[in-house]
Amino acid sequence: MTTTLRDLSTAHDALLAAFAEVPVRGLIHAVDIDTGHEIGVGSDESVVSASVFKVPVLVELCRQYSSGRIDPRARIALGADERRTDGSTGISVMLDELNLSVRDMSLLMMSVSDNRATDVITDLVGLDNVNATMREFGFDRTVVDYDCDMLFATIMEDLGDAHAEGIAELEHGELTDDLKERLRVLRATTPEETDRTTPRQIAELLSAIWRDELLDADAAAEVRRVMGLQAWGHRLTAGFSDPAVRVSGKTGTLFYVRNEVGVVEFPTGERFAVAVFLQEPTFEPRNPDADRVIGTAARLAVDYLRASQSVDAG
């Protein structure tokens, strides 16, 4: 298979067409981890991270393992009512006291996007340290201003008296047009006012981790191990049906925002970092078409990069 400059335009058109068919506004950046070849749509736009912010938190945690500041095997004991954070997975929904190691807590943060586990970890590492590390690594547009509980607090503040009404409407799956519009303009759904990144920066961060750069080898390996244990297979993974292809990732979902970032590794040794961020025109808590197009877009981008690689080799 050959690739020309014209094929780059074709690949861009295919990505835009895939997003338009859903329809969603999609941004993507994909990079060949070993050659640096890349393709993107809106790669440098600021985007709402949603739970993708947990990736920089994990990176900082593993960096602090390396420095000796945090022992990954140290135990964390939580009372039944201690550090409660809203969420629908993991220890966020558990009722009793618990005792876990730090590294097992981080696994819950990433594998099932456990919000309570995330906030326990952010308490340990410190958000200021997360942001200082991102700046040091050159990712100054990747910012984590809020943990999960703080993020939810901004939503409550922005909705004001409508918050209780909104919770009831969400539980029944019926939102008024007024509430839908208010959810669209929350601080939590506005990149400049919440946890944020760019498709390029988060993909480049993952590329560096997979190349054993930025962190020492053991810390980078732990990031890869944890991200490789994600439970969800309905977004990035949906684009790669071959079970021999390994997909490591982290999702993010918040109202009109639907994301996933990760790394796709082929048995041939090729590996690609991919970041896909969607903005949906309507509020759909369950939108399988949008979930699938994340995988479709990732596959289109990776196919283009693999073809580019074959031309260079030829």
Protein backbone atom coordinates (compact mmCIF):
# COMPACT_ATOMS: atom_id res chain seq x y z
CA MET A 1 0.00 0.00 0.00
CA THR A 2 1.35 3.45 -0.87
CA THR A 3 0.69 6.77 0.77
CA THR A 4 0.97 10.21 -0.83
CA LEU A 5 0.39 13.72 0.42
CA ARG A 6 -3.05 13.47 -1.17
CA ASP A 7 -3.79 10.55 1.15
CA LEU A 8 -3.31 12.84 4.15
CA SER A 9 -6.15 15.00 2.86
CA THR A 10 -8.18 11.85 2.27
CA ALA A 11 -7.51 10.68 5.83
CA HIS A 12 -8.60 14.04 7.23
CA ASP A 13 -11.77 13.89 5.15
CA ALA A 14 -12.49 10.37 6.38
CA LEU A 15 -12.12 11.47 10.00
CA LEU A 16 -14.41 14.45 9.52
CA ALA A 17 -16.95 12.27 7.73
CA ALA A 18 -16.93 9.71 10.54
CA PHE A 19 -17.60 12.41 13.13
CA ALA A 20 -20.29 14.07 11.00
CA GLU A 21 -22.19 10.82 10.53
CA VAL A 22 -22.93 10.45 14.27
CA PRO A 23 -23.09 13.55 14.43
CA VAL A 24 -20.50 14.94 16.84
CA ARG A 25 -17.73 17.49 16.75
CA GLY A 26 -14.60 15.40 17.01
CA LEU A 27 -10.98 16.29 17.70
CA ILE A 28 -8.18 13.77 17.40
CA HIS A 29 -4.43 13.47 17.52
CA ALA A 30 -2.59 10.25 16.75
CA VAL A 31 1.16 9.71 16.66
CA ASP A 32 3.43 6.82 15.80
CA ILE A 33 5.32 6.44 19.06
CA ASP A 34 8.57 5.35 17.40
CA THR A 35 8.71 7.46 14.22
CA GLY A 36 6.89 10.60 15.34
CA HIS A 37 4.61 10.58 12.28
CA GLU A 38 1.29 12.12 13.24
CA ILE A 39 -2.17 13.05 12.06
CA GLY A 40 -4.75 15.23 13.73
CA VAL A 41 -7.94 17.20 13.54
CA GLY A 42 -8.01 20.14 15.95
CA SER A 43 -4.89 18.78 17.63
CA ASP A 44 -4.04 22.01 19.46
CA GLU A 45 -7.50 23.05 20.63
CA SER A 46 -8.11 23.11 24.37
CA VAL A 47 -10.55 20.39 25.38
CA VAL A 48 -12.39 19.37 28.53
CA SER A 49 -10.46 16.49 30.03
CA ALA A 50 -13.30 15.03 32.11
CA SER A 51 -11.83 11.85 33.64
CA VAL A 52 -8.88 11.93 31.24
CA PHE A 53 -7.35 14.22 33.91
CA LYS A 54 -6.65 11.02 35.83
CA VAL A 55 -3.80 10.24 33.41
CA PRO A 56 -1.60 13.16 34.60
CA VAL A 57 -2.53 12.22 38.18
CA LEU A 58 -1.30 8.66 37.59
CA VAL A 59 1.90 9.96 35.98
CA GLU A 60 2.60 12.13 39.03
CA LEU A 61 1.83 9.24 41.39
CA CYS A 62 4.30 6.97 39.63
CA ARG A 63 6.89 9.75 39.61
CA GLN A 64 6.51 10.00 43.38
CA TYR A 65 6.99 6.24 43.65
CA SER A 66 10.37 6.76 41.97
CA SER A 67 11.38 9.59 44.28
CA GLY A 68 10.49 7.53 47.35
CA ARG A 69 7.89 10.04 48.50
CA ILE A 70 5.10 7.46 48.20
CA ASP A 71 5.36 3.71 48.71
CA PRO A 72 3.07 1.93 46.22
CA ARG A 73 2.48 -0.82 48.78
CA ALA A 74 1.53 1.55 51.61
CA ARG A 75 -1.94 0.90 52.96
CA ILE A 76 -4.81 3.37 52.80
CA ALA A 77 -7.56 2.87 55.35
CA LEU A 78 -10.86 4.64 54.72
CA GLY A 79 -13.83 4.81 57.03
CA ALA A 80 -17.26 4.20 55.59
CA ASP A 81 -18.01 7.93 55.45
CA GLU A 82 -14.48 9.17 54.80
CA ARG A 83 -13.58 11.08 51.62
CA ARG A 84 -16.93 10.33 49.99
CA THR A 85 -17.15 11.42 46.35
CA ASP A 86 -20.07 10.84 44.01
CA GLY A 87 -19.55 8.11 41.46
CA SER A 88 -21.04 4.94 40.04
CA THR A 89 -18.07 2.57 40.24
CA GLY A 90 -15.50 1.14 42.63
CA ILE A 91 -15.25 2.40 46.17
CA SER A 92 -17.50 5.33 45.29
CA VAL A 93 -20.44 2.94 45.67
CA MET A 94 -19.04 0.80 48.50
CA LEU A 95 -20.72 1.15 51.87
CA ASP A 96 -18.20 -0.12 54.39
CA GLU A 97 -14.73 0.74 55.63
CA LEU A 98 -11.88 -0.52 53.48
CA ASN A 99 -8.13 -0.95 53.36
CA LEU A 100 -6.20 -0.96 50.07
CA SER A 101 -2.65 -0.37 48.91
CA VAL A 102 -1.88 2.86 47.09
CA ARG A 103 -1.26 1.06 43.82
CA ASP A 104 -4.53 -0.86 44.05
CA MET A 105 -6.33 2.41 44.74
CA SER A 106 -4.75 3.86 41.59
CA LEU A 107 -5.93 0.83 39.64
CA LEU A 108 -9.52 1.60 40.62
CA MET A 109 -8.98 5.24 39.62
CA MET A 110 -7.97 4.19 36.12
CA SER A 111 -9.58 0.84 35.34
CA VAL A 112 -13.16 1.77 36.31
CA SER A 113 -12.68 5.56 36.66
CA ASP A 114 -13.50 5.43 40.38
CA ASN A 115 -14.00 9.04 41.51
CA ARG A 116 -13.54 8.43 45.22
CA ALA A 117 -10.32 6.51 44.60
CA THR A 118 -9.17 9.38 42.38
CA ASP A 119 -9.70 11.95 45.10
CA VAL A 120 -7.83 9.80 47.61
CA ILE A 121 -4.90 9.66 45.18
CA THR A 122 -5.00 13.39 44.41
CA ASP A 123 -4.90 14.07 48.16
CA LEU A 124 -1.70 12.01 48.31
CA VAL A 125 0.13 13.51 45.34
CA GLY A 126 -1.20 17.08 45.44
CA LEU A 127 -2.73 18.86 42.45
CA ASP A 128 0.00 21.51 42.55
CA ASN A 129 2.57 18.76 42.04
CA VAL A 130 0.60 17.31 39.13
CA ASN A 131 0.57 20.68 37.39
CA ALA A 132 4.22 21.42 38.17
CA THR A 133 5.20 18.10 36.63
CA MET A 134 3.14 18.74 33.50
CA ARG A 135 4.82 22.14 33.10
CA GLU A 136 8.26 20.62 33.67
CA PHE A 137 7.58 18.01 31.00
CA GLY A 138 6.51 20.72 28.55
CA PHE A 139 2.76 20.13 28.70
CA ASP A 140 1.76 23.55 29.97
CA ARG A 141 -1.73 23.33 28.45
CA THR A 142 -2.50 20.15 30.37
CA VAL A 143 -3.92 21.51 33.62
CA VAL A 144 -5.67 19.81 36.54
CA ASP A 145 -7.37 22.49 38.61
CA TYR A 146 -9.98 20.24 40.23
CA ASP A 147 -10.30 16.78 41.69
CA CYS A 148 -13.65 15.01 41.21
CA ASP A 149 -15.34 16.39 44.31
CA MET A 150 -14.19 19.93 43.51
CA LEU A 151 -15.42 19.52 39.94
CA PHE A 152 -18.85 18.42 41.12
CA ALA A 153 -18.93 21.38 43.51
CA THR A 154 -18.54 23.79 40.58
CA ILE A 155 -21.49 22.11 38.88
CA MET A 156 -23.64 22.56 41.98
CA GLU A 157 -22.60 26.20 42.26
CA ASP A 158 -23.29 26.91 38.59
CA LEU A 159 -26.72 25.26 38.66
CA GLY A 160 -27.67 26.94 41.94
CA ASP A 161 -31.29 26.35 42.87
CA ALA A 162 -31.72 24.20 39.78
CA HIS A 163 -29.28 21.59 41.07
CA ALA A 164 -31.79 19.46 42.99
CA GLU A 165 -34.23 19.69 40.11
CA GLY A 166 -31.48 18.68 37.72
CA ILE A 167 -30.55 15.60 39.76
CA ALA A 168 -34.17 14.46 39.71
CA GLU A 169 -34.40 15.02 35.96
CA LEU A 170 -31.16 13.14 35.34
CA GLU A 171 -32.39 10.17 37.38
CA HIS A 172 -35.57 10.01 35.29
CA GLY A 173 -33.73 10.62 32.02
CA GLU A 174 -35.87 13.63 31.15
CA LEU A 175 -34.21 17.03 31.05
CA THR A 176 -35.89 20.32 30.29
CA ASP A 177 -34.46 22.40 27.48
CA ASP A 178 -33.45 25.02 30.04
CA LEU A 179 -31.42 22.53 32.07
CA LYS A 180 -29.80 21.09 28.95
CA GLU A 181 -28.58 24.54 27.99
CA ARG A 182 -27.30 25.25 31.50
CA LEU A 183 -25.32 22.00 31.46
CA ARG A 184 -23.72 23.05 28.19
CA VAL A 185 -22.24 26.26 29.62
CA LEU A 186 -21.05 25.03 33.00
CA ARG A 187 -17.50 25.77 34.07
CA ALA A 188 -17.04 21.99 34.10
CA THR A 189 -17.81 21.83 30.37
CA THR A 190 -15.80 24.91 29.39
CA PRO A 191 -12.14 24.11 28.67
CA GLU A 192 -10.75 27.41 29.92
CA GLU A 193 -12.47 27.01 33.29
CA THR A 194 -11.93 23.37 34.15
CA ASP A 195 -9.47 20.47 33.89
CA ARG A 196 -8.14 20.61 30.35
CA THR A 197 -5.58 19.45 27.84
CA THR A 198 -5.12 19.32 24.06
CA PRO A 199 -5.31 16.19 21.91
CA ARG A 200 -1.67 16.67 20.90
CA GLN A 201 -0.33 17.15 24.42
CA ILE A 202 -2.02 14.15 25.99
CA ALA A 203 -1.00 11.94 23.04
CA GLU A 204 2.59 13.17 23.32
CA LEU A 205 2.57 12.51 27.07
CA LEU A 206 1.52 8.91 26.44
CA SER A 207 4.11 8.55 23.68
CA ALA A 208 6.86 9.63 26.04
CA ILE A 209 5.68 7.23 28.75
CA TRP A 210 5.65 4.33 26.28
CA ARG A 211 9.21 5.24 25.21
CA ASP A 212 10.41 5.26 28.84
CA GLU A 213 11.06 8.98 28.68
CA LEU A 214 10.18 11.57 31.37
CA LEU A 215 9.82 8.88 34.06
CA ASP A 216 12.30 6.19 35.01
CA ALA A 217 11.70 2.74 33.54
CA ASP A 218 9.90 1.28 36.56
CA ALA A 219 7.57 4.26 36.92
CA ALA A 220 6.76 4.29 33.20
CA ALA A 221 6.09 0.55 33.31
CA GLU A 222 3.63 1.06 36.15
CA VAL A 223 1.72 3.70 34.18
CA ARG A 224 1.53 1.27 31.27
CA ARG A 225 0.46 -1.62 33.50
CA VAL A 226 -2.37 0.30 35.10
CA MET A 227 -3.64 1.83 31.85
CA GLY A 228 -3.56 -1.60 30.25
CA LEU A 229 -6.11 -2.88 32.77
CA GLN A 230 -8.96 -0.56 31.82
CA ALA A 231 -12.30 -2.35 32.02
CA TRP A 232 -14.09 -0.55 29.19
CA GLY A 233 -13.92 -1.81 25.62
CA HIS A 234 -16.60 0.28 23.93
CA ARG A 235 -14.57 3.26 22.68
CA LEU A 236 -10.96 3.01 21.49
CA THR A 237 -10.95 -0.77 21.68
CA ALA A 238 -14.05 -0.97 19.48
CA GLY A 239 -11.91 0.10 16.52
CA PHE A 240 -9.52 -2.84 16.88
CA SER A 241 -11.31 -6.18 16.82
CA ASP A 242 -8.18 -8.32 16.62
CA PRO A 243 -7.53 -9.61 20.17
CA ALA A 244 -3.80 -9.60 19.41
CA VAL A 245 -3.92 -5.79 19.32
CA ARG A 246 -3.41 -4.38 22.81
CA VAL A 247 -5.30 -1.20 23.73
CA SER A 248 -4.49 0.73 26.92
CA GLY A 249 -6.63 3.74 27.68
CA LYS A 250 -8.57 6.13 29.84
CA THR A 251 -12.07 7.36 29.14
CA GLY A 252 -13.67 10.65 30.09
CA THR A 253 -17.38 11.48 30.11
CA LEU A 254 -19.21 14.57 31.34
CA PHE A 255 -22.57 15.72 29.96
CA TYR A 256 -21.80 16.75 26.36
CA VAL A 257 -18.20 15.52 26.53
CA ARG A 258 -17.11 12.01 25.55
CA ASN A 259 -13.40 11.14 25.31
CA GLU A 260 -10.79 8.45 25.32
CA VAL A 261 -7.02 8.57 25.14
CA GLY A 262 -4.72 5.61 24.95
CA VAL A 263 -2.11 3.54 23.19
CA VAL A 264 -2.68 0.90 20.51
CA GLU A 265 0.03 -1.77 20.19
CA PHE A 266 0.24 -4.31 17.36
CA PRO A 267 1.93 -7.72 17.60
CA THR A 268 4.30 -6.49 14.86
CA GLY A 269 5.73 -3.98 17.35
CA GLU A 270 4.05 -0.90 15.93
CA ARG A 271 2.51 1.34 18.58
CA PHE A 272 0.46 4.49 18.41
CA ALA A 273 -0.78 7.04 20.93
CA VAL A 274 -4.29 8.26 20.16
CA ALA A 275 -6.43 10.95 21.80
CA VAL A 276 -10.06 11.45 20.75
CA PHE A 277 -12.31 14.14 22.22
CA LEU A 278 -15.96 14.52 21.27
CA GLN A 279 -18.44 17.34 21.83
CA GLU A 280 -22.00 16.12 21.37
CA PRO A 281 -24.75 18.42 20.06
CA THR A 282 -27.41 16.83 22.28
CA PHE A 283 -27.34 15.44 25.79
CA GLU A 284 -27.27 11.64 25.52
CA PRO A 285 -26.06 9.84 28.66
CA ARG A 286 -25.91 6.66 26.58
CA ASN A 287 -24.77 7.18 23.02
CA PRO A 288 -23.30 3.99 21.55
CA ASP A 289 -22.81 5.62 18.16
CA ALA A 290 -20.59 8.29 19.74
CA ASP A 291 -18.72 5.64 21.73
CA ARG A 292 -18.05 3.62 18.58
CA VAL A 293 -16.88 6.58 16.51
CA ILE A 294 -14.03 7.07 18.98
CA GLY A 295 -12.79 3.64 17.93
CA THR A 296 -13.57 4.29 14.27
CA ALA A 297 -11.60 7.54 14.27
CA ALA A 298 -8.70 5.92 16.09
CA ARG A 299 -8.61 3.12 13.53
CA LEU A 300 -8.69 5.55 10.58
CA ALA A 301 -5.81 7.54 12.07
CA VAL A 302 -3.75 4.47 12.91
CA ASP A 303 -4.35 2.94 9.48
CA TYR A 304 -3.04 6.14 7.89
CA LEU A 305 0.06 6.13 10.11
CA ARG A 306 0.77 2.46 9.44
CA ALA A 307 0.53 3.10 5.71
CA SER A 308 2.93 6.03 6.06
CA GLN A 309 5.35 3.76 7.87
CA SER A 310 5.23 1.20 5.06
CA VAL A 311 6.12 3.88 2.51
CA ASP A 312 9.13 5.02 4.55
CA ALA A 313 10.29 1.42 4.84
CA GLY A 314 9.89 0.87 1.07
